[in-house]
Amino acid sequence: MATTSHRAAPEHTHPDDVPVLTALAALADPVRAQLVRELAASEDWTRSCGTFDVPVGKAAKSHHFAVLRAAGLVEQRDEGARRVNRLRRAEFDARFPGLLELVLREGTMP
């Protein structure tokens, strides 16, 4: 159940509004690729930002999530003090058929 938070709600870009180069740039970074990989292996809305095992601090992780939102890959919502995530796989696949599948294949992600 979503509750209100002291921070502003995240802004999301729909994949239909994302240029292909923006999507490719978002997926090219190793930290963002790891975030996407972990989200792809998780149920929607079960992973809070703090549960990802990436080698960056909190501020850098927030930046990486902002890039993923701007690329139409991730949707976030606040649940109390936690910000939970889901991979926008269906929407992203509709915009860029096969791209996410290709980069999630074993050995193709940084």
Protein backbone atom coordinates (compact mmCIF):
# COMPACT_ATOMS: atom_id res chain seq x y z
CA MET A 1 0.00 0.00 0.00
CA ALA A 2 1.49 3.36 -1.05
CA THR A 3 1.78 6.08 1.56
CA THR A 4 2.85 9.68 1.44
CA SER A 5 6.48 10.64 1.79
CA HIS A 6 8.48 13.72 2.65
CA ARG A 7 10.28 13.55 -0.70
CA ALA A 8 8.88 14.41 -4.10
CA ALA A 9 7.41 11.60 -6.13
CA PRO A 10 9.76 10.44 -8.86
CA GLU A 11 9.11 11.62 -12.42
CA HIS A 12 8.78 8.93 -15.04
CA THR A 13 9.30 9.02 -18.78
CA HIS A 14 7.16 6.69 -20.84
CA PRO A 15 9.23 4.49 -23.13
CA ASP A 16 7.26 5.83 -26.14
CA ASP A 17 8.95 9.19 -25.50
CA VAL A 18 12.51 7.79 -25.29
CA PRO A 19 14.96 8.04 -28.20
CA VAL A 20 16.85 4.83 -28.92
CA LEU A 21 20.21 6.45 -28.07
CA THR A 22 18.91 7.40 -24.62
CA ALA A 23 17.84 3.81 -24.01
CA LEU A 24 21.16 2.45 -25.23
CA ALA A 25 23.15 4.91 -23.10
CA ALA A 26 21.16 3.96 -20.00
CA LEU A 27 21.83 0.26 -20.56
CA ALA A 28 25.53 0.75 -21.41
CA ASP A 29 26.59 1.70 -17.87
CA PRO A 30 27.67 -1.35 -15.79
CA VAL A 31 25.94 -0.16 -12.59
CA ARG A 32 22.67 0.53 -14.39
CA ALA A 33 22.97 -2.79 -16.22
CA GLN A 34 23.28 -4.53 -12.84
CA LEU A 35 20.23 -2.68 -11.50
CA VAL A 36 18.22 -3.74 -14.55
CA ARG A 37 19.49 -7.31 -14.28
CA GLU A 38 18.46 -7.54 -10.63
CA LEU A 39 15.06 -5.99 -11.36
CA ALA A 40 14.48 -8.42 -14.23
CA ALA A 41 15.00 -11.29 -11.79
CA SER A 42 12.60 -9.83 -9.20
CA GLU A 43 8.83 -9.53 -8.84
CA ASP A 44 7.40 -6.05 -9.46
CA TRP A 45 7.47 -3.71 -6.47
CA THR A 46 9.45 -6.08 -4.23
CA ARG A 47 12.85 -4.35 -4.40
CA SER A 48 13.57 -1.14 -2.56
CA CYS A 49 16.51 0.97 -3.68
CA GLY A 50 18.64 -0.08 -0.73
CA THR A 51 18.45 -3.78 -1.58
CA PHE A 52 20.59 -3.62 -4.73
CA ASP A 53 24.17 -4.82 -4.46
CA VAL A 54 26.01 -2.25 -6.58
CA PRO A 55 29.42 -0.65 -5.83
CA VAL A 56 28.23 2.95 -5.47
CA GLY A 57 26.99 5.18 -2.69
CA LYS A 58 23.43 6.28 -2.05
CA ALA A 59 23.66 9.51 -4.09
CA ALA A 60 25.18 7.76 -7.10
CA LYS A 61 22.57 5.01 -6.87
CA SER A 62 19.83 7.66 -6.89
CA HIS A 63 21.40 9.18 -10.00
CA HIS A 64 21.48 5.80 -11.75
CA PHE A 65 17.81 5.21 -10.95
CA ALA A 66 16.99 8.68 -12.31
CA VAL A 67 18.73 7.79 -15.59
CA LEU A 68 16.80 4.51 -15.78
CA ARG A 69 13.50 6.35 -15.15
CA ALA A 70 14.36 8.91 -17.85
CA ALA A 71 15.05 6.05 -20.26
CA GLY A 72 11.65 4.51 -19.56
CA LEU A 73 13.16 1.38 -18.02
CA VAL A 74 12.16 1.72 -14.38
CA GLU A 75 9.10 2.88 -12.49
CA GLN A 76 9.34 3.76 -8.79
CA ARG A 77 6.88 4.52 -6.04
CA ASP A 78 7.20 5.34 -2.38
CA GLU A 79 5.93 2.95 0.26
CA GLY A 80 6.50 4.64 3.57
CA ALA A 81 10.23 5.29 3.93
CA ARG A 82 11.06 2.86 1.12
CA ARG A 83 11.15 3.58 -2.61
CA VAL A 84 10.25 0.40 -4.48
CA ASN A 85 10.89 -0.38 -8.12
CA ARG A 86 9.63 -2.30 -11.08
CA LEU A 87 11.17 -2.91 -14.47
CA ARG A 88 8.86 -1.52 -17.17
CA ARG A 89 9.54 -4.55 -19.31
CA ALA A 90 6.26 -4.72 -21.25
CA GLU A 91 6.24 -1.00 -22.06
CA PHE A 92 9.95 -0.96 -22.94
CA ASP A 93 9.60 -4.10 -25.09
CA ALA A 94 6.71 -2.49 -26.98
CA ARG A 95 8.90 0.53 -27.79
CA PHE A 96 12.15 -1.37 -28.44
CA PRO A 97 11.20 -4.97 -29.30
CA GLY A 98 13.92 -7.42 -28.33
CA LEU A 99 16.39 -4.85 -26.96
CA LEU A 100 15.93 -5.66 -23.29
CA GLU A 101 15.96 -9.40 -23.98
CA LEU A 102 19.17 -9.00 -25.93
CA VAL A 103 21.01 -7.08 -23.22
CA LEU A 104 19.77 -9.37 -20.44
CA ARG A 105 21.18 -12.48 -22.08
CA GLU A 106 24.04 -14.09 -20.24
CA GLY A 107 27.37 -12.64 -21.34
CA THR A 108 26.02 -9.58 -23.15
CA MET A 109 25.69 -7.27 -20.16
CA PRO A 110 28.69 -5.33 -18.86
